Amino acid sequence: MTLAEAEADRVVPKGFYSTTNHPTMVKYQDEWLHVEAIEMDCLIVVVPAEKRALCTPMSKLHKGDWVVMGDTGVRVEPPRSGRVRSVHLSLCTARSPLNGPVRQSYRKSLRR
């Protein structure tokens, strides 16, 4: 993982990693740290002295903060696929208003 120091308050280094709302970890000094208070479209700031990774809105970035750059050394836990599968099954098997052409179009989109 690469870190860059913020040059000024609210000045984001070019190439920073933008967070998702899924559980995230970063590899810092051969240890995976859970990113605290994860939310979408923020930065990850590493606090080396405390070995912590914090999800930080751009407006809260301070000069000297260490910002995660790029996605190397970042692990995001994907959403569970069961929810997607249950939506697919309910659309394809339930008695629904989907008529023939719409259902065929939907099935074709799943194959892409």
C-alpha atoms as a PDB file:
ATOM      1  CA  MET A   1       0.000   0.000   0.000  1.00  0.00           C
ATOM      2  CA  THR A   2       1.177   3.492  -0.820  1.00  0.00           C
ATOM      3  CA  LEU A   3       0.561   6.485   1.425  1.00  0.00           C
ATOM      4  CA  ALA A   4       0.853  10.179   0.580  1.00  0.00           C
ATOM      5  CA  GLU A   5       0.919  13.033   3.041  1.00  0.00           C
ATOM      6  CA  ALA A   6      -1.783  15.695   2.733  1.00  0.00           C
ATOM      7  CA  GLU A   7      -0.067  18.994   1.895  1.00  0.00           C
ATOM      8  CA  ALA A   8      -2.780  21.182   3.457  1.00  0.00           C
ATOM      9  CA  ASP A   9      -6.191  20.939   5.112  1.00  0.00           C
ATOM     10  CA  ARG A  10      -8.825  19.632   2.659  1.00  0.00           C
ATOM     11  CA  VAL A  11      -6.220  19.205  -0.121  1.00  0.00           C
ATOM     12  CA  VAL A  12      -6.454  15.637  -1.392  1.00  0.00           C
ATOM     13  CA  PRO A  13      -3.400  14.002  -3.007  1.00  0.00           C
ATOM     14  CA  LYS A  14      -3.933  13.074  -6.665  1.00  0.00           C
ATOM     15  CA  GLY A  15      -4.617   9.358  -7.073  1.00  0.00           C
ATOM     16  CA  PHE A  16      -6.169   8.731  -3.648  1.00  0.00           C
ATOM     17  CA  TYR A  17      -8.381   5.693  -3.030  1.00  0.00           C
ATOM     18  CA  SER A  18     -12.096   6.551  -2.869  1.00  0.00           C
ATOM     19  CA  THR A  19     -14.049   4.313  -0.504  1.00  0.00           C
ATOM     20  CA  THR A  20     -17.187   2.250  -1.047  1.00  0.00           C
ATOM     21  CA  ASN A  21     -19.780   1.554   1.632  1.00  0.00           C
ATOM     22  CA  HIS A  22     -18.639  -2.073   1.971  1.00  0.00           C
ATOM     23  CA  PRO A  23     -16.375  -3.312   4.772  1.00  0.00           C
ATOM     24  CA  THR A  24     -12.787  -2.476   3.810  1.00  0.00           C
ATOM     25  CA  MET A  25      -9.299  -3.365   5.039  1.00  0.00           C
ATOM     26  CA  VAL A  26      -5.862  -1.991   4.161  1.00  0.00           C
ATOM     27  CA  LYS A  27      -2.534  -3.763   4.433  1.00  0.00           C
ATOM     28  CA  TYR A  28      -0.182  -1.667   6.528  1.00  0.00           C
ATOM     29  CA  GLN A  29       3.217  -3.028   7.634  1.00  0.00           C
ATOM     30  CA  ASP A  30       2.192  -6.619   6.789  1.00  0.00           C
ATOM     31  CA  GLU A  31      -0.983  -6.349   8.873  1.00  0.00           C
ATOM     32  CA  TRP A  32      -4.570  -5.978   7.630  1.00  0.00           C
ATOM     33  CA  LEU A  33      -6.323  -3.057   9.347  1.00  0.00           C
ATOM     34  CA  HIS A  34     -10.107  -2.682   9.261  1.00  0.00           C
ATOM     35  CA  VAL A  35     -11.132   0.753   8.041  1.00  0.00           C
ATOM     36  CA  GLU A  36     -13.190   2.376  10.787  1.00  0.00           C
ATOM     37  CA  ALA A  37     -16.541   4.116  10.155  1.00  0.00           C
ATOM     38  CA  ILE A  38     -16.662   3.147   6.478  1.00  0.00           C
ATOM     39  CA  GLU A  39     -18.883   5.144   4.137  1.00  0.00           C
ATOM     40  CA  MET A  40     -18.939   5.877   0.441  1.00  0.00           C
ATOM     41  CA  ASP A  41     -16.792   8.439  -1.424  1.00  0.00           C
ATOM     42  CA  CYS A  42     -14.304   9.230   1.328  1.00  0.00           C
ATOM     43  CA  LEU A  43     -10.569   8.827   1.871  1.00  0.00           C
ATOM     44  CA  ILE A  44      -8.740   6.297   3.983  1.00  0.00           C
ATOM     45  CA  VAL A  45      -6.341   7.948   6.414  1.00  0.00           C
ATOM     46  CA  VAL A  46      -3.777   5.760   8.180  1.00  0.00           C
ATOM     47  CA  VAL A  47      -2.589   6.800  11.631  1.00  0.00           C
ATOM     48  CA  PRO A  48       0.813   5.063  11.830  1.00  0.00           C
ATOM     49  CA  ALA A  49       1.398   5.652  15.566  1.00  0.00           C
ATOM     50  CA  GLU A  50      -1.869   3.890  16.402  1.00  0.00           C
ATOM     51  CA  LYS A  51      -1.951   1.388  13.518  1.00  0.00           C
ATOM     52  CA  ARG A  52      -5.472   2.551  12.619  1.00  0.00           C
ATOM     53  CA  ALA A  53      -7.196   3.180   9.306  1.00  0.00           C
ATOM     54  CA  LEU A  54      -9.972   5.776   9.327  1.00  0.00           C
ATOM     55  CA  CYS A  55     -12.592   6.545   6.715  1.00  0.00           C
ATOM     56  CA  THR A  56     -12.337  10.315   6.392  1.00  0.00           C
ATOM     57  CA  PRO A  57     -14.495  12.760   4.419  1.00  0.00           C
ATOM     58  CA  MET A  58     -12.459  15.139   2.260  1.00  0.00           C
ATOM     59  CA  SER A  59     -13.691  18.096   4.314  1.00  0.00           C
ATOM     60  CA  LYS A  60     -12.067  16.579   7.442  1.00  0.00           C
ATOM     61  CA  LEU A  61      -8.630  15.962   5.898  1.00  0.00           C
ATOM     62  CA  HIS A  62      -5.821  17.766   7.742  1.00  0.00           C
ATOM     63  CA  LYS A  63      -2.335  18.737   6.704  1.00  0.00           C
ATOM     64  CA  GLY A  64       0.018  15.860   7.515  1.00  0.00           C
ATOM     65  CA  ASP A  65      -2.624  13.092   7.344  1.00  0.00           C
ATOM     66  CA  TRP A  66      -1.408   9.949   5.585  1.00  0.00           C
ATOM     67  CA  VAL A  67      -3.804   9.092   2.731  1.00  0.00           C
ATOM     68  CA  VAL A  68      -4.085   5.690   1.004  1.00  0.00           C
ATOM     69  CA  MET A  69      -3.212   5.973  -2.688  1.00  0.00           C
ATOM     70  CA  GLY A  70      -4.600   3.664  -5.395  1.00  0.00           C
ATOM     71  CA  ASP A  71      -6.105   0.269  -4.674  1.00  0.00           C
ATOM     72  CA  THR A  72      -2.986  -1.834  -4.077  1.00  0.00           C
ATOM     73  CA  GLY A  73      -3.183  -3.230  -0.556  1.00  0.00           C
ATOM     74  CA  VAL A  74      -6.909  -2.475  -0.253  1.00  0.00           C
ATOM     75  CA  ARG A  75      -9.405  -5.293   0.315  1.00  0.00           C
ATOM     76  CA  VAL A  76     -13.147  -4.688  -0.012  1.00  0.00           C
ATOM     77  CA  GLU A  77     -15.630  -7.292   1.200  1.00  0.00           C
ATOM     78  CA  PRO A  78     -18.188  -7.718  -1.589  1.00  0.00           C
ATOM     79  CA  PRO A  79     -21.896  -7.769  -0.824  1.00  0.00           C
ATOM     80  CA  ARG A  80     -23.472 -11.150  -0.262  1.00  0.00           C
ATOM     81  CA  SER A  81     -24.682 -12.681  -3.501  1.00  0.00           C
ATOM     82  CA  GLY A  82     -27.756 -14.298  -1.888  1.00  0.00           C
ATOM     83  CA  ARG A  83     -29.747 -11.093  -2.162  1.00  0.00           C
ATOM     84  CA  VAL A  84     -29.066 -10.765  -5.894  1.00  0.00           C
ATOM     85  CA  ARG A  85     -29.916 -14.413  -6.426  1.00  0.00           C
ATOM     86  CA  SER A  86     -33.222 -14.101  -4.538  1.00  0.00           C
ATOM     87  CA  VAL A  87     -34.219 -11.077  -6.643  1.00  0.00           C
ATOM     88  CA  HIS A  88     -33.370 -13.031  -9.805  1.00  0.00           C
ATOM     89  CA  LEU A  89     -35.392 -16.052  -8.688  1.00  0.00           C
ATOM     90  CA  SER A  90     -38.401 -13.998  -7.708  1.00  0.00           C
ATOM     91  CA  LEU A  91     -38.408 -12.235 -11.071  1.00  0.00           C
ATOM     92  CA  CYS A  92     -37.999 -15.407 -13.087  1.00  0.00           C
ATOM     93  CA  THR A  93     -40.168 -17.846 -11.173  1.00  0.00           C
ATOM     94  CA  ALA A  94     -42.908 -15.876  -9.451  1.00  0.00           C
ATOM     95  CA  ARG A  95     -46.144 -14.993 -11.124  1.00  0.00           C
ATOM     96  CA  SER A  96     -45.234 -11.529 -12.191  1.00  0.00           C
ATOM     97  CA  PRO A  97     -46.382  -9.064 -14.832  1.00  0.00           C
ATOM     98  CA  LEU A  98     -43.280  -9.813 -16.905  1.00  0.00           C
ATOM     99  CA  ASN A  99     -44.495 -10.930 -20.305  1.00  0.00           C
ATOM    100  CA  GLY A 100     -42.550 -13.055 -22.783  1.00  0.00           C
ATOM    101  CA  PRO A 101     -40.435 -10.390 -24.558  1.00  0.00           C
ATOM    102  CA  VAL A 102     -39.574  -8.547 -21.347  1.00  0.00           C
ATOM    103  CA  ARG A 103     -38.622 -11.786 -19.567  1.00  0.00           C
ATOM    104  CA  GLN A 104     -36.441 -12.856 -22.519  1.00  0.00           C
ATOM    105  CA  SER A 105     -34.722  -9.474 -22.546  1.00  0.00           C
ATOM    106  CA  TYR A 106     -34.084  -9.736 -18.796  1.00  0.00           C
ATOM    107  CA  ARG A 107     -32.600 -13.222 -19.156  1.00  0.00           C
ATOM    108  CA  LYS A 108     -30.342 -12.056 -21.993  1.00  0.00           C
ATOM    109  CA  SER A 109     -29.046  -9.226 -19.794  1.00  0.00           C
ATOM    110  CA  LEU A 110     -28.092 -11.762 -17.085  1.00  0.00           C
ATOM    111  CA  ARG A 111     -25.954 -13.699 -19.569  1.00  0.00           C
ATOM    112  CA  ARG A 112     -23.796 -10.661 -20.443  1.00  0.00           C
END
